[in-house]
Amino acid sequence: MVLPPPPRDLSDTDPEYRRRRFPRFPINIEGRIRVPLAEYSGGSLNAKAVVEDISLNGARIRIPHLRREHHATLMHGRRKCAITLQFPEENVPLFLSGEIAWIDLHSDATQSSAVLGVELTDTPPPERERLGRLLENKQPKL
């Protein structure tokens, strides 16, 4: 399901936008994220997620519903993760993988959520090429 994009300044005046090696594209596509919770336990966080924006080497991902017991594990170093998302114009899901570079946890008395910055360090070359083609189609035509 594609959600409407959040209001954000993604122009050349935004310092965060200018410092990136690859341009980010607001996409707001629902997907799944999987994060191994412990190196040897075999357990993992497997949650619905929204990819809010994406580039060839990174993504901003929102996990709208996060269990509180996963907070400490997610905050512990650069965790590996796998992301699956389905672009509306594609028949086959895109499989991305990398490391969580940063995390912003939000929690109140009733619910918990997180926004993650993921560096796509482990995405296989064929999937990275597919992502590049998809993003190329999202660029405004001059």
Foldseek 3Di string as FASTA:
>chain_A
DADDADDDDLDPVDPVQVPDPWGKDFTFFKWWKWFAQDPPPPDIDIAIKTFGIDTLWKTKIKGFFDDPVSVVSLVPPWTKMWIWTDDPVDPDIQIFIFTFPDKDWDDDPPGIMIITMGTRPPGDPVSSVVVVVVVVVVDDDD
